[in-house]
Amino acid sequence: MCAAFDTARESESDYHEKFYEENKLFEPGTWMAGPTPIVMELLERLQKYTSAPKVLDMACGVGRHTIPVAQQLTQGGMVVGVDLLDSAIDQLKKYAEEYKVADRIEAVTSDVESYEIAKEEYDYIIATGCLEHVSSEESLQKVIANMQTGTRTGGIHLISMTSSVQQVDQQTGEAEEGNIELNLTTEQLVSLLHQYYEGWNIIERKAVAQAIEETKDNKEIELQGNWITFAACKEDPQPHPEVLEQVGKDTDL
């Protein structure tokens, strides 16, 4: 791995460890205030025909999605949360106890690039704010292939990730390429996702411009880019229309 990747990975790890230290899960006004709505919408659709789904939450952090998903698994099922940071996994376990869902959560410390997913193990794989942190385009392809192998027929993938990222120094106004491990252009990313998911039913495709203020590397910056949301269902010989319907209106991706 190159020095640029190592620098970006260290920066991201430091940012998240500090953020998790200073903010509680579901803290109002933070990006952890609640789960991304589409995560729960897709789970609700999945539960119409799979009452006890097995869910994988990749780069789960302290449980922004792991905890709410586990709370919905009242008829059985399990969530496996995987994150690189030991500190995040330790906090996830504490939050699982606090929210009384520890019996439905397995917390694992691992880099998603090296995490092995057993064949046809999961009904739902969530990768939000995850895959832009792999080391290369080749690694992205391998991780997605691993996810696909580990998904049961009729299962759903939800991928949300940033693209075309640049960061603007709030003091100087200077803009530079975002310090992120895999910074694909929006066009590159969308093209790759359509290529990787050929043969799957695409149920959501959306690109939204975003700007987020952060303190990173001891500087006040604004991260600018496009947030891509992409969801797909593995082909089922007897498809479930309620799952295959569009979650939201497609953009021209």
Protein backbone atom coordinates (compact mmCIF):
# COMPACT_ATOMS: atom_id res chain seq x y z
CA MET A 1 0.00 0.00 0.00
CA CYS A 2 1.26 3.49 -0.82
CA ALA A 3 2.16 6.31 1.54
CA ALA A 4 -0.89 8.34 0.44
CA PHE A 5 -3.20 5.51 1.50
CA ASP A 6 -1.45 5.15 4.86
CA THR A 7 -1.75 8.90 5.46
CA ALA A 8 -5.45 8.93 4.55
CA ARG A 9 -6.16 5.84 6.67
CA GLU A 10 -4.40 7.33 9.71
CA SER A 11 -6.29 10.60 9.26
CA GLU A 12 -9.66 8.82 8.98
CA SER A 13 -8.95 6.59 11.98
CA ASP A 14 -7.90 9.55 14.13
CA TYR A 15 -10.99 11.53 13.11
CA HIS A 16 -13.41 8.72 13.94
CA GLU A 17 -11.78 7.78 17.24
CA LYS A 18 -11.93 11.40 18.38
CA PHE A 19 -15.52 11.80 17.15
CA TYR A 20 -16.70 8.66 18.95
CA GLU A 21 -14.96 9.84 22.13
CA GLU A 22 -16.62 13.24 22.07
CA ASN A 23 -20.13 12.27 20.91
CA LYS A 24 -22.61 9.69 22.10
CA LEU A 25 -24.50 7.45 19.73
CA PHE A 26 -27.67 9.22 18.50
CA GLU A 27 -26.33 12.59 19.72
CA PRO A 28 -28.61 15.30 18.24
CA GLY A 29 -26.92 17.56 15.71
CA THR A 30 -24.28 15.00 14.71
CA TRP A 31 -24.18 12.62 11.76
CA MET A 32 -24.87 9.86 14.33
CA ALA A 33 -28.19 11.39 15.35
CA GLY A 34 -30.06 8.52 13.72
CA PRO A 35 -29.83 5.87 11.03
CA THR A 36 -29.96 6.74 7.35
CA PRO A 37 -33.66 6.31 6.45
CA ILE A 38 -33.05 4.02 3.48
CA VAL A 39 -31.25 1.52 5.74
CA MET A 40 -34.44 0.99 7.70
CA GLU A 41 -36.74 1.20 4.65
CA LEU A 42 -34.91 -1.65 2.93
CA LEU A 43 -34.94 -3.71 6.13
CA GLU A 44 -38.71 -3.22 6.40
CA ARG A 45 -39.19 -4.43 2.83
CA LEU A 46 -36.92 -7.41 3.42
CA GLN A 47 -38.82 -8.43 6.53
CA LYS A 48 -42.01 -8.78 4.50
CA TYR A 49 -40.71 -12.15 3.31
CA THR A 50 -37.75 -12.87 5.61
CA SER A 51 -38.91 -12.55 9.21
CA ALA A 52 -35.53 -13.30 10.78
CA PRO A 53 -32.88 -11.90 8.41
CA LYS A 54 -29.16 -12.08 9.00
CA VAL A 55 -27.59 -8.67 8.45
CA LEU A 56 -23.98 -7.56 7.96
CA ASP A 57 -23.10 -3.94 8.79
CA MET A 58 -19.68 -3.14 7.32
CA ALA A 59 -17.65 -0.32 8.89
CA CYS A 60 -20.34 -0.22 11.55
CA GLY A 61 -18.63 2.24 13.88
CA VAL A 62 -20.30 2.39 17.28
CA GLY A 63 -23.66 1.23 15.94
CA ARG A 64 -25.44 4.04 14.10
CA HIS A 65 -27.15 1.39 11.96
CA THR A 66 -26.33 -1.81 13.86
CA ILE A 67 -28.37 -0.83 16.92
CA PRO A 68 -31.56 0.35 15.11
CA VAL A 69 -31.48 -2.70 12.82
CA ALA A 70 -31.14 -5.02 15.83
CA GLN A 71 -34.07 -3.25 17.50
CA GLN A 72 -36.26 -4.23 14.53
CA LEU A 73 -35.33 -7.92 14.67
CA THR A 74 -38.08 -8.80 17.11
CA GLN A 75 -38.94 -12.09 15.36
CA GLY A 76 -35.37 -13.36 15.33
CA GLY A 77 -32.35 -12.66 13.21
CA MET A 78 -28.87 -11.32 13.85
CA VAL A 79 -26.67 -8.35 12.96
CA VAL A 80 -22.92 -8.72 12.55
CA GLY A 81 -21.13 -5.39 12.90
CA VAL A 82 -17.59 -5.16 11.53
CA ASP A 83 -15.21 -2.25 12.06
CA LEU A 84 -11.48 -1.62 11.87
CA LEU A 85 -11.29 0.27 15.17
CA ASP A 86 -11.08 -1.68 18.43
CA SER A 87 -12.43 1.35 20.27
CA ALA A 88 -15.52 1.50 18.04
CA ILE A 89 -16.26 -2.19 18.54
CA ASP A 90 -15.85 -1.82 22.32
CA GLN A 91 -18.36 1.03 22.31
CA LEU A 92 -20.73 -0.93 20.06
CA LYS A 93 -20.80 -3.73 22.63
CA LYS A 94 -21.59 -1.23 25.40
CA TYR A 95 -24.37 0.39 23.37
CA ALA A 96 -25.78 -3.06 22.55
CA GLU A 97 -26.11 -3.69 26.29
CA GLU A 98 -27.53 -0.22 26.92
CA TYR A 99 -30.19 -0.62 24.23
CA LYS A 100 -30.89 -4.25 25.25
CA VAL A 101 -30.03 -5.82 21.89
CA ALA A 102 -26.77 -7.57 22.79
CA ASP A 103 -28.35 -10.96 22.09
CA ARG A 104 -28.90 -9.92 18.45
CA ILE A 105 -25.48 -8.39 17.73
CA GLU A 106 -22.11 -9.93 17.00
CA ALA A 107 -19.33 -7.31 17.01
CA VAL A 108 -16.12 -8.03 15.09
CA THR A 109 -12.89 -6.07 14.76
CA SER A 110 -11.61 -6.40 11.19
CA ASP A 111 -10.61 -4.45 8.11
CA VAL A 112 -13.39 -5.01 5.56
CA GLU A 113 -10.76 -5.84 2.93
CA SER A 114 -9.64 -8.91 4.86
CA TYR A 115 -13.01 -9.90 6.36
CA GLU A 116 -14.15 -13.24 4.96
CA ILE A 117 -17.87 -13.58 4.31
CA ALA A 118 -19.21 -17.13 4.24
CA LYS A 119 -21.12 -18.20 1.14
CA GLU A 120 -24.82 -17.24 1.18
CA GLU A 121 -24.62 -16.16 4.81
CA TYR A 122 -26.56 -12.88 4.72
CA ASP A 123 -29.92 -11.48 3.65
CA TYR A 124 -28.88 -7.83 3.89
CA ILE A 125 -25.45 -6.21 3.67
CA ILE A 126 -25.07 -2.56 4.62
CA ALA A 127 -21.97 -0.65 3.51
CA THR A 128 -22.52 3.03 4.27
CA GLY A 129 -19.45 5.27 4.49
CA CYS A 130 -17.36 2.14 4.08
CA LEU A 131 -16.08 1.34 0.62
CA GLU A 132 -14.39 4.68 -0.03
CA HIS A 133 -11.92 3.55 2.62
CA VAL A 134 -10.54 0.52 0.76
CA SER A 135 -7.04 0.70 -0.68
CA SER A 136 -7.70 0.58 -4.44
CA GLU A 137 -10.21 0.08 -7.22
CA GLU A 138 -9.13 -3.58 -7.37
CA SER A 139 -9.84 -3.93 -3.65
CA LEU A 140 -13.28 -2.38 -4.15
CA GLN A 141 -14.09 -5.03 -6.74
CA LYS A 142 -12.84 -7.83 -4.48
CA VAL A 143 -14.80 -6.62 -1.46
CA ILE A 144 -18.02 -6.33 -3.49
CA ALA A 145 -17.45 -9.79 -4.99
CA ASN A 146 -17.02 -11.11 -1.43
CA MET A 147 -20.26 -9.42 -0.42
CA GLN A 148 -22.09 -10.90 -3.40
CA THR A 149 -20.87 -14.43 -2.70
CA GLY A 150 -22.05 -14.05 0.87
CA THR A 151 -25.57 -12.97 -0.06
CA ARG A 152 -28.56 -15.29 -0.26
CA THR A 153 -30.90 -15.23 -3.23
CA GLY A 154 -33.33 -12.37 -2.75
CA GLY A 155 -30.89 -10.57 -0.47
CA ILE A 156 -30.18 -6.85 -0.62
CA HIS A 157 -27.02 -4.74 -0.75
CA LEU A 158 -27.00 -1.09 0.25
CA ILE A 159 -23.91 0.91 -0.67
CA SER A 160 -23.53 4.58 0.21
CA MET A 161 -20.20 6.29 -0.40
CA THR A 162 -18.62 9.59 -1.27
CA SER A 163 -17.16 10.41 -4.67
CA SER A 164 -15.35 13.33 -6.33
CA VAL A 165 -14.24 14.52 -2.90
CA GLN A 166 -12.34 17.74 -2.37
CA GLN A 167 -11.62 19.56 0.86
CA VAL A 168 -11.67 23.32 1.32
CA ASP A 169 -9.65 24.96 4.07
CA GLN A 170 -12.12 27.18 5.94
CA GLN A 171 -9.45 29.77 6.78
CA THR A 172 -7.66 30.10 3.44
CA GLY A 173 -10.37 28.95 1.02
CA GLU A 174 -7.80 26.70 -0.62
CA ALA A 175 -9.27 23.58 -2.24
CA GLU A 176 -7.45 20.30 -2.72
CA GLU A 177 -8.28 16.68 -3.41
CA GLY A 178 -9.97 15.07 -0.43
CA ASN A 179 -7.72 13.12 1.92
CA ILE A 180 -9.65 9.87 1.56
CA GLU A 181 -8.38 6.41 0.74
CA LEU A 182 -10.29 5.80 -2.51
CA ASN A 183 -11.41 9.01 -4.17
CA LEU A 184 -13.18 7.98 -7.37
CA THR A 185 -15.01 10.48 -9.54
CA THR A 186 -18.78 10.17 -9.48
CA GLU A 187 -18.75 8.98 -13.10
CA GLN A 188 -16.15 6.29 -12.34
CA LEU A 189 -17.99 5.03 -9.29
CA VAL A 190 -21.40 4.83 -10.92
CA SER A 191 -19.94 3.02 -13.93
CA LEU A 192 -18.17 0.49 -11.71
CA LEU A 193 -21.24 -0.20 -9.58
CA HIS A 194 -23.37 -0.87 -12.65
CA GLN A 195 -20.65 -3.17 -13.96
CA TYR A 196 -20.28 -5.09 -10.68
CA TYR A 197 -24.03 -5.48 -10.21
CA GLU A 198 -24.90 -6.66 -13.70
CA GLY A 199 -27.65 -9.26 -13.31
CA TRP A 200 -28.91 -7.84 -10.03
CA ASN A 201 -32.13 -5.83 -9.68
CA ILE A 202 -31.18 -2.20 -9.07
CA ILE A 203 -33.67 -0.73 -6.60
CA GLU A 204 -32.05 2.61 -5.79
CA ARG A 205 -29.63 4.91 -7.61
CA LYS A 206 -29.10 8.41 -6.37
CA ALA A 207 -26.37 11.07 -6.31
CA VAL A 208 -26.62 14.01 -3.92
CA ALA A 209 -24.14 16.88 -3.62
CA GLN A 210 -22.92 17.24 -0.06
CA ALA A 211 -20.78 19.59 2.00
CA ILE A 212 -19.73 18.64 5.53
CA GLU A 213 -17.74 20.76 7.96
CA GLU A 214 -15.14 18.81 9.91
CA THR A 215 -12.03 19.30 12.00
CA LYS A 216 -9.43 17.09 10.40
CA ASP A 217 -5.65 17.06 10.74
CA ASN A 218 -6.00 20.06 13.10
CA LYS A 219 -7.71 22.14 10.39
CA GLU A 220 -11.27 23.35 9.95
CA ILE A 221 -12.31 22.06 6.53
CA GLU A 222 -15.39 21.61 4.40
CA LEU A 223 -15.55 18.28 2.61
CA GLN A 224 -17.35 18.62 -0.71
CA GLY A 225 -18.40 15.84 -3.05
CA ASN A 226 -21.26 13.66 -4.24
CA TRP A 227 -22.90 11.09 -1.96
CA ILE A 228 -23.84 8.01 -3.98
CA THR A 229 -26.60 5.71 -2.75
CA PHE A 230 -26.91 2.41 -4.61
CA ALA A 231 -29.06 -0.55 -3.64
CA ALA A 232 -29.55 -3.86 -5.43
CA CYS A 233 -31.36 -7.15 -4.89
CA LYS A 234 -29.84 -10.50 -5.85
CA GLU A 235 -31.87 -12.16 -8.60
CA ASP A 236 -34.64 -14.39 -7.29
CA PRO A 237 -36.41 -16.93 -9.54
CA GLN A 238 -39.59 -15.87 -7.74
CA PRO A 239 -39.03 -12.15 -7.10
CA HIS A 240 -40.80 -10.25 -4.37
CA PRO A 241 -42.35 -7.11 -5.95
CA GLU A 242 -42.47 -5.24 -2.65
CA VAL A 243 -38.68 -5.48 -2.38
CA LEU A 244 -37.92 -4.77 -6.03
CA GLU A 245 -39.94 -1.57 -6.18
CA GLN A 246 -38.04 1.70 -6.26
CA VAL A 247 -37.28 3.19 -2.87
CA GLY A 248 -36.96 6.66 -4.37
CA LYS A 249 -36.93 8.31 -7.74
CA ASP A 250 -33.87 7.46 -9.84
CA THR A 251 -31.50 10.14 -10.90
CA ASP A 252 -29.85 9.82 -14.28
CA LEU A 253 -26.98 7.61 -13.26
